[in-house]
PDB file of N, CA and C in Angstrom:
ATOM      1  N   MET A   1     -13.821  10.704  -3.315  1.00  0.00           N
ATOM      2  CA  MET A   1     -15.172  10.250  -3.083  1.00  0.00           C
ATOM      3  C   MET A   1     -15.596   9.377  -4.257  1.00  0.00           C
ATOM      4  N   SER A   2     -16.135   8.231  -3.969  1.00  0.00           N
ATOM      5  CA  SER A   2     -16.579   7.293  -4.995  1.00  0.00           C
ATOM      6  C   SER A   2     -18.066   7.498  -5.270  1.00  0.00           C
ATOM      7  N   THR A   3     -18.411   7.580  -6.552  1.00  0.00           N
ATOM      8  CA  THR A   3     -19.793   7.788  -6.976  1.00  0.00           C
ATOM      9  C   THR A   3     -20.132   6.787  -8.057  1.00  0.00           C
ATOM     10  N   SER A   4     -21.328   6.209  -8.003  1.00  0.00           N
ATOM     11  CA  SER A   4     -21.784   5.258  -9.017  1.00  0.00           C
ATOM     12  C   SER A   4     -22.999   5.819  -9.735  1.00  0.00           C
ATOM     13  N   PHE A   5     -23.042   5.621 -11.043  1.00  0.00           N
ATOM     14  CA  PHE A   5     -24.199   6.018 -11.827  1.00  0.00           C
ATOM     15  C   PHE A   5     -24.224   5.238 -13.121  1.00  0.00           C
ATOM     16  N   SER A   6     -25.336   5.328 -13.839  1.00  0.00           N
ATOM     17  CA  SER A   6     -25.521   4.591 -15.087  1.00  0.00           C
ATOM     18  C   SER A   6     -25.305   5.526 -16.276  1.00  0.00           C
ATOM     19  N   VAL A   7     -24.455   5.093 -17.225  1.00  0.00           N
ATOM     20  CA  VAL A   7     -24.183   5.863 -18.440  1.00  0.00           C
ATOM     21  C   VAL A   7     -24.488   4.969 -19.630  1.00  0.00           C
ATOM     22  N   ASN A   8     -25.483   5.351 -20.412  1.00  0.00           N
ATOM     23  CA  ASN A   8     -25.882   4.569 -21.587  1.00  0.00           C
ATOM     24  C   ASN A   8     -26.143   3.102 -21.238  1.00  0.00           C
ATOM     25  N   GLY A   9     -26.760   2.867 -20.081  1.00  0.00           N
ATOM     26  CA  GLY A   9     -27.100   1.515 -19.663  1.00  0.00           C
ATOM     27  C   GLY A   9     -25.973   0.758 -18.986  1.00  0.00           C
ATOM     28  N   ASN A  10     -24.796   1.364 -18.857  1.00  0.00           N
ATOM     29  CA  ASN A  10     -23.654   0.724 -18.201  1.00  0.00           C
ATOM     30  C   ASN A  10     -23.425   1.365 -16.840  1.00  0.00           C
ATOM     31  N   GLN A  11     -23.319   0.522 -15.803  1.00  0.00           N
ATOM     32  CA  GLN A  11     -23.047   1.024 -14.464  1.00  0.00           C
ATOM     33  C   GLN A  11     -21.586   1.428 -14.371  1.00  0.00           C
ATOM     34  N   ARG A  12     -21.314   2.644 -13.909  1.00  0.00           N
ATOM     35  CA  ARG A  12     -19.947   3.150 -13.787  1.00  0.00           C
ATOM     36  C   ARG A  12     -19.714   3.644 -12.371  1.00  0.00           C
ATOM     37  N   THR A  13     -18.513   3.430 -11.866  1.00  0.00           N
ATOM     38  CA  THR A  13     -18.102   3.948 -10.570  1.00  0.00           C
ATOM     39  C   THR A  13     -16.852   4.781 -10.777  1.00  0.00           C
ATOM     40  N   VAL A  14     -16.870   5.988 -10.240  1.00  0.00           N
ATOM     41  CA  VAL A  14     -15.760   6.919 -10.422  1.00  0.00           C
ATOM     42  C   VAL A  14     -15.320   7.419  -9.057  1.00  0.00           C
ATOM     43  N   ASP A  15     -14.023   7.468  -8.847  1.00  0.00           N
ATOM     44  CA  ASP A  15     -13.463   8.049  -7.631  1.00  0.00           C
ATOM     45  C   ASP A  15     -12.863   9.394  -8.025  1.00  0.00           C
ATOM     46  N   ALA A  16     -13.535  10.483  -7.641  1.00  0.00           N
ATOM     47  CA  ALA A  16     -13.099  11.818  -8.046  1.00  0.00           C
ATOM     48  C   ALA A  16     -13.181  12.779  -6.866  1.00  0.00           C
ATOM     49  N   ASP A  17     -12.493  13.885  -7.003  1.00  0.00           N
ATOM     50  CA  ASP A  17     -12.513  14.949  -6.011  1.00  0.00           C
ATOM     51  C   ASP A  17     -13.944  15.484  -5.878  1.00  0.00           C
ATOM     52  N   PRO A  18     -14.491  15.549  -4.664  1.00  0.00           N
ATOM     53  CA  PRO A  18     -15.875  16.009  -4.483  1.00  0.00           C
ATOM     54  C   PRO A  18     -16.122  17.435  -4.974  1.00  0.00           C
ATOM     55  N   SER A  19     -15.090  18.255  -5.055  1.00  0.00           N
ATOM     56  CA  SER A  19     -15.281  19.635  -5.508  1.00  0.00           C
ATOM     57  C   SER A  19     -15.246  19.760  -7.031  1.00  0.00           C
ATOM     58  N   LYS A  20     -14.932  18.667  -7.722  1.00  0.00           N
ATOM     59  CA  LYS A  20     -14.854  18.680  -9.186  1.00  0.00           C
ATOM     60  C   LYS A  20     -16.263  18.633  -9.782  1.00  0.00           C
ATOM     61  N   PRO A  21     -16.584  19.530 -10.723  1.00  0.00           N
ATOM     62  CA  PRO A  21     -17.917  19.515 -11.346  1.00  0.00           C
ATOM     63  C   PRO A  21     -18.196  18.198 -12.076  1.00  0.00           C
ATOM     64  N   LEU A  22     -19.461  17.764 -12.047  1.00  0.00           N
ATOM     65  CA  LEU A  22     -19.846  16.497 -12.661  1.00  0.00           C
ATOM     66  C   LEU A  22     -19.474  16.442 -14.138  1.00  0.00           C
ATOM     67  N   LEU A  23     -19.644  17.531 -14.865  1.00  0.00           N
ATOM     68  CA  LEU A  23     -19.292  17.556 -16.285  1.00  0.00           C
ATOM     69  C   LEU A  23     -17.816  17.230 -16.488  1.00  0.00           C
ATOM     70  N   TRP A  24     -16.955  17.758 -15.632  1.00  0.00           N
ATOM     71  CA  TRP A  24     -15.518  17.476 -15.745  1.00  0.00           C
ATOM     72  C   TRP A  24     -15.235  16.011 -15.453  1.00  0.00           C
ATOM     73  N   VAL A  25     -15.930  15.436 -14.459  1.00  0.00           N
ATOM     74  CA  VAL A  25     -15.747  14.016 -14.132  1.00  0.00           C
ATOM     75  C   VAL A  25     -16.115  13.158 -15.337  1.00  0.00           C
ATOM     76  N   ILE A  26     -17.260  13.454 -15.958  1.00  0.00           N
ATOM     77  CA  ILE A  26     -17.698  12.681 -17.124  1.00  0.00           C
ATOM     78  C   ILE A  26     -16.691  12.813 -18.256  1.00  0.00           C
ATOM     79  N   ARG A  27     -16.235  14.017 -18.520  1.00  0.00           N
ATOM     80  CA  ARG A  27     -15.316  14.263 -19.635  1.00  0.00           C
ATOM     81  C   ARG A  27     -13.929  13.660 -19.387  1.00  0.00           C
ATOM     82  N   GLU A  28     -13.412  13.767 -18.174  1.00  0.00           N
ATOM     83  CA  GLU A  28     -12.025  13.394 -17.903  1.00  0.00           C
ATOM     84  C   GLU A  28     -11.838  11.999 -17.316  1.00  0.00           C
ATOM     85  N   ASP A  29     -12.808  11.483 -16.585  1.00  0.00           N
ATOM     86  CA  ASP A  29     -12.603  10.252 -15.825  1.00  0.00           C
ATOM     87  C   ASP A  29     -13.359   9.043 -16.350  1.00  0.00           C
ATOM     88  N   LEU A  30     -14.284   9.242 -17.277  1.00  0.00           N
ATOM     89  CA  LEU A  30     -15.014   8.087 -17.811  1.00  0.00           C
ATOM     90  C   LEU A  30     -14.392   7.617 -19.094  1.00  0.00           C
TER      91      LEU A  30
END
């Protein structure tokens, strides 16, 4: 599942497993 959000003013798009917690996505995929 692809999700877009803003981190420190930068637009980011991440494709991650929907069951993965958001904190893990930020830590591992950004």
